[in-house]
Every structure is written in C-alpha cells, then in structure tokens.
Amino acid sequence: MPDGSDRLERDVEEVLSNIEDFDWRRRQSRPPGPIRIAVQRFAGAIVSRVTALTANHLLLVGALLLVVGLVLRGGGMWLAVAGIVVFVIGLFWASRGGGGGNGQPRGGYWRDRYISYEPQSGNPLRRFFRRNR
C-alpha cells in the first residue's frame, strides 16, 4: 500500500505546483463585448427601478389596478384580482415597516429635541412587557 500513498502524494504536489503557474486573470483580461455591456446596463436600470419601490407605491398601483379592473368588462376581472394581490402585498410590506427606511433609525422632534424610536423587537413577550411599563 505504500505505493498508493506515494502516488497520491506525488499527484497532490503536482497539482499544487501547477496552480502557481495558472493564469487566474485570463478571463478578466478580455474587455466585455457590446452585448454584455448592454445587458449589464439594462439589468442595472431594472434593479435601480425595483429598489426605488416603496410600500406606498405598491398600495397605489394595487388600488389603481383594482379600480381599472372593475371598470373594464370581461378580462378586467383578472386585472382586479391582480390589483388585490398587489394591494395586499403592499399592506403586508407597509405593516412590516418596509420601503421607507434606508437603514437609519427613525425618529422625530418633540419639544425641540430629537427622539429616536426604538427598533421593534421580534419577540412578542418583550414587546408586551415593554408596552406595560
């Protein structure tokens, strides 16, 4: 069996020596083509538009879809159902506090002093006892 372990050791050493000679930047050295640049720009535009959405936008779009779907006949029912779904998603997102914050603690001014609101804890017992102080 020593022959097998020697062979394995030689193979590992050969692979390790070849790694040092491997050109890791070979793929990055080519400039991107025009199609790749166009796809990256399009994807970046889509991502920036989607991340700018807030819960209020979803509520407004859902309500508009619902009204337009109810006014139209026939295929408008599916538009109304889509409006209800978008509206419910917006309500859920708004109740979870999404869309408005940018990672900073929320707060407000009271008697010329800035008061920061405590972040809501996920623990319901902690919220219950904090409420009953």
N, C-alpha and C. Protein backbone atom coordinates (compact mmCIF):
# COMPACT_ATOMS: atom_id res chain seq x y z
N MET A 1 0.79 -1.19 0.00
CA MET A 1 0.00 0.00 0.00
C MET A 1 0.84 1.27 0.00
N PRO A 2 2.13 1.22 0.35
CA PRO A 2 2.91 2.44 0.34
C PRO A 2 3.00 3.04 -1.06
N ASP A 3 2.90 2.21 -2.09
CA ASP A 3 2.98 2.71 -3.46
C ASP A 3 1.80 3.64 -3.76
N GLY A 4 0.60 3.31 -3.26
CA GLY A 4 -0.59 4.12 -3.50
C GLY A 4 -0.51 5.47 -2.80
N SER A 5 0.01 5.48 -1.58
CA SER A 5 0.10 6.75 -0.86
C SER A 5 1.19 7.63 -1.47
N ASP A 6 2.29 7.03 -1.94
CA ASP A 6 3.34 7.81 -2.61
C ASP A 6 2.81 8.43 -3.90
N ARG A 7 2.03 7.65 -4.61
CA ARG A 7 1.45 8.14 -5.86
C ARG A 7 0.49 9.30 -5.59
N LEU A 8 -0.34 9.16 -4.56
CA LEU A 8 -1.27 10.22 -4.19
C LEU A 8 -0.51 11.48 -3.78
N GLU A 9 0.54 11.30 -3.02
CA GLU A 9 1.34 12.45 -2.58
C GLU A 9 1.98 13.15 -3.78
N ARG A 10 2.48 12.39 -4.75
CA ARG A 10 3.07 12.98 -5.94
C ARG A 10 2.02 13.74 -6.76
N ASP A 11 0.82 13.17 -6.86
CA ASP A 11 -0.25 13.85 -7.60
C ASP A 11 -0.64 15.17 -6.94
N VAL A 12 -0.74 15.16 -5.62
CA VAL A 12 -1.09 16.40 -4.90
C VAL A 12 -0.01 17.44 -5.10
N GLU A 13 1.24 17.05 -5.01
CA GLU A 13 2.34 18.00 -5.21
C GLU A 13 2.36 18.54 -6.63
N GLU A 14 2.02 17.71 -7.60
CA GLU A 14 1.98 18.15 -8.99
C GLU A 14 0.86 19.17 -9.19
N VAL A 15 -0.30 18.91 -8.62
CA VAL A 15 -1.42 19.85 -8.74
C VAL A 15 -1.07 21.17 -8.08
N LEU A 16 -0.46 21.12 -6.89
CA LEU A 16 -0.09 22.35 -6.20
C LEU A 16 0.96 23.15 -6.97
N SER A 17 1.87 22.48 -7.61
CA SER A 17 2.88 23.20 -8.39
C SER A 17 2.28 23.81 -9.65
N ASN A 18 1.27 23.16 -10.23
CA ASN A 18 0.62 23.70 -11.43
C ASN A 18 -0.30 24.87 -11.10
N ILE A 19 -0.80 24.95 -9.89
CA ILE A 19 -1.68 26.05 -9.51
C ILE A 19 -0.92 27.37 -9.58
N GLU A 20 0.34 27.37 -9.19
CA GLU A 20 1.12 28.60 -9.20
C GLU A 20 1.29 29.13 -10.62
N ASP A 21 1.32 28.27 -11.60
CA ASP A 21 1.51 28.69 -12.99
C ASP A 21 0.21 29.05 -13.69
N PHE A 22 -0.92 28.79 -13.08
CA PHE A 22 -2.21 29.01 -13.73
C PHE A 22 -2.51 30.50 -13.81
N ASP A 23 -3.00 30.95 -14.94
CA ASP A 23 -3.31 32.37 -15.15
C ASP A 23 -4.76 32.61 -14.70
N TRP A 24 -4.91 33.11 -13.49
CA TRP A 24 -6.24 33.34 -12.91
C TRP A 24 -6.95 34.49 -13.57
N ARG A 25 -6.24 35.44 -14.13
CA ARG A 25 -6.86 36.63 -14.70
C ARG A 25 -7.12 36.51 -16.19
N ARG A 26 -6.96 35.35 -16.73
CA ARG A 26 -7.14 35.16 -18.15
C ARG A 26 -8.54 35.56 -18.60
N ARG A 27 -9.56 35.21 -17.83
CA ARG A 27 -10.93 35.51 -18.22
C ARG A 27 -11.24 37.00 -18.07
N GLN A 28 -10.65 37.65 -17.08
CA GLN A 28 -10.92 39.06 -16.84
C GLN A 28 -10.12 39.97 -17.76
N SER A 29 -9.13 39.44 -18.45
CA SER A 29 -8.28 40.28 -19.27
C SER A 29 -8.98 40.74 -20.56
N ARG A 30 -10.01 40.00 -20.99
CA ARG A 30 -10.72 40.39 -22.20
C ARG A 30 -11.72 41.49 -21.87
N PRO A 31 -11.80 42.53 -22.69
CA PRO A 31 -12.81 43.56 -22.45
C PRO A 31 -14.20 43.01 -22.80
N PRO A 32 -15.23 43.42 -22.07
CA PRO A 32 -16.58 42.92 -22.37
C PRO A 32 -17.06 43.43 -23.72
N GLY A 33 -17.84 42.60 -24.37
CA GLY A 33 -18.38 42.96 -25.68
C GLY A 33 -19.57 43.90 -25.56
N PRO A 34 -20.04 44.44 -26.68
CA PRO A 34 -21.14 45.39 -26.65
C PRO A 34 -22.45 44.78 -26.15
N ILE A 35 -22.68 43.51 -26.43
CA ILE A 35 -23.91 42.86 -25.96
C ILE A 35 -23.88 42.74 -24.44
N ARG A 36 -22.73 42.34 -23.91
CA ARG A 36 -22.61 42.20 -22.46
C ARG A 36 -22.78 43.56 -21.76
N ILE A 37 -22.22 44.62 -22.34
CA ILE A 37 -22.37 45.96 -21.77
C ILE A 37 -23.83 46.38 -21.78
N ALA A 38 -24.54 46.11 -22.89
CA ALA A 38 -25.95 46.49 -22.99
C ALA A 38 -26.79 45.72 -21.97
N VAL A 39 -26.52 44.43 -21.79
CA VAL A 39 -27.27 43.63 -20.83
C VAL A 39 -27.01 44.12 -19.40
N GLN A 40 -25.75 44.46 -19.09
CA GLN A 40 -25.43 44.96 -17.76
C GLN A 40 -26.11 46.30 -17.49
N ARG A 41 -26.15 47.18 -18.47
CA ARG A 41 -26.84 48.46 -18.29
C ARG A 41 -28.33 48.27 -18.10
N PHE A 42 -28.93 47.38 -18.89
CA PHE A 42 -30.36 47.12 -18.77
C PHE A 42 -30.69 46.53 -17.40
N ALA A 43 -29.90 45.57 -16.95
CA ALA A 43 -30.13 44.95 -15.64
C ALA A 43 -29.94 45.98 -14.52
N GLY A 44 -28.96 46.84 -14.65
CA GLY A 44 -28.75 47.87 -13.64
C GLY A 44 -29.92 48.84 -13.57
N ALA A 45 -30.49 49.18 -14.73
CA ALA A 45 -31.65 50.08 -14.75
C ALA A 45 -32.85 49.42 -14.09
N ILE A 46 -33.07 48.14 -14.37
CA ILE A 46 -34.20 47.42 -13.77
C ILE A 46 -34.02 47.34 -12.25
N VAL A 47 -32.83 47.02 -11.80
CA VAL A 47 -32.59 46.89 -10.36
C VAL A 47 -32.78 48.22 -9.66
N SER A 48 -32.31 49.31 -10.26
CA SER A 48 -32.46 50.62 -9.62
C SER A 48 -33.93 51.03 -9.55
N ARG A 49 -34.73 50.65 -10.55
CA ARG A 49 -36.16 50.97 -10.51
C ARG A 49 -36.89 50.15 -9.45
N VAL A 50 -36.55 48.87 -9.36
CA VAL A 50 -37.24 47.99 -8.41
C VAL A 50 -36.87 48.36 -6.98
N THR A 51 -35.62 48.71 -6.73
CA THR A 51 -35.23 49.05 -5.36
C THR A 51 -35.78 50.39 -4.94
N ALA A 52 -36.24 51.22 -5.88
CA ALA A 52 -36.83 52.51 -5.53
C ALA A 52 -38.30 52.36 -5.12
N LEU A 53 -38.88 51.18 -5.30
CA LEU A 53 -40.29 50.97 -4.92
C LEU A 53 -40.45 51.01 -3.41
N THR A 54 -41.55 51.58 -2.97
CA THR A 54 -41.90 51.58 -1.56
C THR A 54 -43.24 50.89 -1.39
N ALA A 55 -43.62 50.70 -0.15
CA ALA A 55 -44.91 50.08 0.14
C ALA A 55 -46.05 50.98 -0.35
N ASN A 56 -45.86 52.29 -0.27
CA ASN A 56 -46.89 53.21 -0.74
C ASN A 56 -47.09 53.10 -2.25
N HIS A 57 -46.01 52.88 -2.99
CA HIS A 57 -46.15 52.68 -4.44
C HIS A 57 -46.99 51.44 -4.74
N LEU A 58 -46.73 50.35 -4.01
CA LEU A 58 -47.50 49.13 -4.24
C LEU A 58 -48.97 49.32 -3.89
N LEU A 59 -49.24 50.04 -2.81
CA LEU A 59 -50.64 50.30 -2.44
C LEU A 59 -51.34 51.11 -3.52
N LEU A 60 -50.67 52.12 -4.04
CA LEU A 60 -51.27 52.95 -5.08
C LEU A 60 -51.49 52.17 -6.36
N VAL A 61 -50.50 51.41 -6.80
CA VAL A 61 -50.64 50.62 -8.03
C VAL A 61 -51.72 49.56 -7.87
N GLY A 62 -51.77 48.92 -6.70
CA GLY A 62 -52.80 47.91 -6.46
C GLY A 62 -54.20 48.50 -6.51
N ALA A 63 -54.38 49.68 -5.90
CA ALA A 63 -55.69 50.33 -5.91
C ALA A 63 -56.09 50.74 -7.33
N LEU A 64 -55.12 51.27 -8.09
CA LEU A 64 -55.42 51.66 -9.48
C LEU A 64 -55.78 50.45 -10.34
N LEU A 65 -55.03 49.36 -10.18
CA LEU A 65 -55.36 48.14 -10.93
C LEU A 65 -56.75 47.63 -10.57
N LEU A 66 -57.08 47.69 -9.30
CA LEU A 66 -58.39 47.24 -8.85
C LEU A 66 -59.51 48.08 -9.46
N VAL A 67 -59.36 49.39 -9.43
CA VAL A 67 -60.40 50.27 -9.99
C VAL A 67 -60.52 50.07 -11.50
N VAL A 68 -59.38 50.03 -12.21
CA VAL A 68 -59.43 49.85 -13.66
C VAL A 68 -60.02 48.48 -13.99
N GLY A 69 -59.68 47.46 -13.22
CA GLY A 69 -60.22 46.13 -13.47
C GLY A 69 -61.71 46.04 -13.23
N LEU A 70 -62.21 46.79 -12.26
CA LEU A 70 -63.65 46.79 -12.01
C LEU A 70 -64.42 47.59 -13.05
N VAL A 71 -63.79 48.61 -13.64
CA VAL A 71 -64.46 49.42 -14.66
C VAL A 71 -64.54 48.65 -15.98
N LEU A 72 -63.47 47.93 -16.31
CA LEU A 72 -63.47 47.18 -17.57
C LEU A 72 -64.33 45.91 -17.44
N ARG A 73 -64.85 45.47 -18.53
CA ARG A 73 -65.65 44.25 -18.55
C ARG A 73 -64.81 43.09 -19.09
N GLY A 74 -65.21 41.89 -18.81
CA GLY A 74 -64.54 40.72 -19.38
C GLY A 74 -63.22 40.42 -18.71
N GLY A 75 -62.12 40.73 -19.40
CA GLY A 75 -60.78 40.45 -18.89
C GLY A 75 -60.35 41.36 -17.76
N GLY A 76 -61.16 42.36 -17.46
CA GLY A 76 -60.84 43.28 -16.38
C GLY A 76 -60.89 42.62 -15.02
N MET A 77 -61.58 41.49 -14.91
CA MET A 77 -61.66 40.80 -13.62
C MET A 77 -60.28 40.31 -13.19
N TRP A 78 -59.50 39.82 -14.16
CA TRP A 78 -58.15 39.37 -13.82
C TRP A 78 -57.28 40.54 -13.40
N LEU A 79 -57.51 41.70 -13.99
CA LEU A 79 -56.78 42.90 -13.60
C LEU A 79 -57.15 43.31 -12.18
N ALA A 80 -58.43 43.16 -11.83
CA ALA A 80 -58.88 43.47 -10.47
C ALA A 80 -58.27 42.50 -9.46
N VAL A 81 -58.19 41.23 -9.82
CA VAL A 81 -57.56 40.25 -8.93
C VAL A 81 -56.08 40.57 -8.75
N ALA A 82 -55.41 40.94 -9.83
CA ALA A 82 -54.00 41.33 -9.72
C ALA A 82 -53.85 42.57 -8.85
N GLY A 83 -54.78 43.51 -8.96
CA GLY A 83 -54.76 44.70 -8.12
C GLY A 83 -54.91 44.36 -6.64
N ILE A 84 -55.80 43.41 -6.36
CA ILE A 84 -55.98 42.98 -4.97
C ILE A 84 -54.71 42.34 -4.44
N VAL A 85 -54.08 41.50 -5.25
CA VAL A 85 -52.85 40.84 -4.82
C VAL A 85 -51.75 41.86 -4.55
N VAL A 86 -51.57 42.81 -5.48
CA VAL A 86 -50.54 43.84 -5.30
C VAL A 86 -50.85 44.70 -4.08
N PHE A 87 -52.12 45.03 -3.86
CA PHE A 87 -52.51 45.83 -2.71
C PHE A 87 -52.23 45.10 -1.41
N VAL A 88 -52.54 43.82 -1.35
CA VAL A 88 -52.28 43.04 -0.14
C VAL A 88 -50.78 42.93 0.12
N ILE A 89 -49.98 42.75 -0.93
CA ILE A 89 -48.52 42.71 -0.76
C ILE A 89 -48.03 44.06 -0.23
N GLY A 90 -48.58 45.15 -0.74
CA GLY A 90 -48.21 46.48 -0.24
C GLY A 90 -48.60 46.67 1.21
N LEU A 91 -49.78 46.19 1.60
CA LEU A 91 -50.20 46.28 3.00
C LEU A 91 -49.27 45.48 3.91
N PHE A 92 -48.92 44.27 3.48
CA PHE A 92 -48.03 43.45 4.28
C PHE A 92 -46.67 44.11 4.42
N TRP A 93 -46.16 44.67 3.31
CA TRP A 93 -44.85 45.33 3.33
C TRP A 93 -44.89 46.58 4.22
N ALA A 94 -45.99 47.33 4.16
CA ALA A 94 -46.11 48.53 4.99
C ALA A 94 -46.21 48.16 6.47
N SER A 95 -46.89 47.06 6.78
CA SER A 95 -47.02 46.66 8.19
C SER A 95 -45.70 46.15 8.75
N ARG A 96 -44.83 45.65 7.88
CA ARG A 96 -43.52 45.17 8.32
C ARG A 96 -42.50 46.31 8.37
N GLY A 97 -42.91 47.51 7.97
CA GLY A 97 -42.01 48.66 8.02
C GLY A 97 -41.07 48.75 6.84
N GLY A 98 -41.42 48.17 5.73
CA GLY A 98 -40.52 48.16 4.58
C GLY A 98 -40.72 49.34 3.67
N GLY A 99 -39.67 49.63 2.91
CA GLY A 99 -39.77 50.65 1.88
C GLY A 99 -39.43 52.04 2.33
N GLY A 100 -39.70 52.43 3.55
CA GLY A 100 -39.47 53.80 3.97
C GLY A 100 -38.09 54.03 4.54
N GLY A 101 -37.53 53.03 5.20
CA GLY A 101 -36.25 53.23 5.88
C GLY A 101 -35.08 52.92 4.98
N ASN A 102 -33.98 53.61 5.23
CA ASN A 102 -32.77 53.34 4.47
C ASN A 102 -31.67 52.88 5.41
N GLY A 103 -32.02 52.14 6.44
CA GLY A 103 -31.04 51.60 7.35
C GLY A 103 -30.74 52.49 8.54
N GLN A 104 -31.31 53.68 8.57
CA GLN A 104 -31.07 54.59 9.67
C GLN A 104 -32.21 54.50 10.67
N PRO A 105 -31.93 54.73 11.96
CA PRO A 105 -33.01 54.69 12.94
C PRO A 105 -33.99 55.83 12.69
N ARG A 106 -35.26 55.52 12.88
CA ARG A 106 -36.29 56.53 12.67
C ARG A 106 -36.46 57.34 13.93
N GLY A 107 -36.94 58.53 13.78
CA GLY A 107 -37.16 59.38 14.94
C GLY A 107 -37.91 60.62 14.54
N GLY A 108 -38.04 61.53 15.50
CA GLY A 108 -38.74 62.76 15.24
C GLY A 108 -38.40 63.78 16.32
N TYR A 109 -38.86 65.01 16.10
CA TYR A 109 -38.60 66.08 17.05
C TYR A 109 -39.79 66.26 17.97
N TRP A 110 -39.52 66.43 19.25
CA TRP A 110 -40.55 66.72 20.23
C TRP A 110 -39.96 67.70 21.23
N ARG A 111 -40.58 68.86 21.35
CA ARG A 111 -40.11 69.93 22.22
C ARG A 111 -38.66 70.28 21.91
N ASP A 112 -38.37 70.45 20.64
CA ASP A 112 -37.06 70.85 20.13
C ASP A 112 -35.95 69.87 20.43
N ARG A 113 -36.28 68.63 20.70
CA ARG A 113 -35.26 67.60 20.90
C ARG A 113 -35.57 66.44 19.97
N TYR A 114 -34.52 65.84 19.42
CA TYR A 114 -34.69 64.70 18.52
C TYR A 114 -34.83 63.44 19.34
N ILE A 115 -35.91 62.71 19.12
CA ILE A 115 -36.17 61.45 19.81
C ILE A 115 -36.10 60.34 18.78
N SER A 116 -35.22 59.35 19.01
CA SER A 116 -35.15 58.21 18.09
C SER A 116 -36.04 57.10 18.62
N TYR A 117 -36.76 56.49 17.72
CA TYR A 117 -37.66 55.41 18.09
C TYR A 117 -36.87 54.13 18.27
N GLU A 118 -37.28 53.31 19.21
CA GLU A 118 -36.63 52.02 19.41
C GLU A 118 -36.99 51.08 18.27
N PRO A 119 -36.05 50.30 17.80
CA PRO A 119 -36.41 49.31 16.79
C PRO A 119 -37.30 48.25 17.42
N GLN A 120 -38.30 47.83 16.67
CA GLN A 120 -39.22 46.84 17.20
C GLN A 120 -38.54 45.49 17.31
N SER A 121 -38.71 44.88 18.45
CA SER A 121 -38.13 43.57 18.69
C SER A 121 -39.03 42.50 18.08
N GLY A 122 -38.44 41.41 17.65
CA GLY A 122 -39.21 40.31 17.08
C GLY A 122 -39.87 39.45 18.14
N ASN A 123 -39.48 39.63 19.41
CA ASN A 123 -40.01 38.81 20.48
C ASN A 123 -41.32 39.41 20.99
N PRO A 124 -42.47 38.71 20.87
CA PRO A 124 -43.74 39.27 21.30
C PRO A 124 -43.82 39.48 22.82
N LEU A 125 -43.18 38.62 23.61
CA LEU A 125 -43.21 38.81 25.06
C LEU A 125 -42.47 40.08 25.45
N ARG A 126 -41.35 40.35 24.82
CA ARG A 126 -40.60 41.57 25.12
C ARG A 126 -41.41 42.80 24.75
N ARG A 127 -42.12 42.75 23.60
CA ARG A 127 -42.97 43.88 23.22
C ARG A 127 -44.10 44.06 24.22
N PHE A 128 -44.69 42.97 24.72
CA PHE A 128 -45.78 43.06 25.67
C PHE A 128 -45.33 43.72 26.97
N PHE A 129 -44.19 43.30 27.51
CA PHE A 129 -43.72 43.87 28.75
C PHE A 129 -43.20 45.30 28.56
N ARG A 130 -42.66 45.62 27.41
CA ARG A 130 -42.21 46.97 27.15
C ARG A 130 -43.41 47.91 27.07
N ARG A 131 -44.53 47.43 26.54
CA ARG A 131 -45.72 48.23 26.40
C ARG A 131 -46.36 48.50 27.75
N ASN A 132 -46.22 47.60 28.71
CA ASN A 132 -46.90 47.72 30.01
C ASN A 132 -45.98 48.25 31.10
N ARG A 133 -45.05 49.09 30.80
CA ARG A 133 -44.19 49.66 31.84
C ARG A 133 -44.89 50.71 32.62
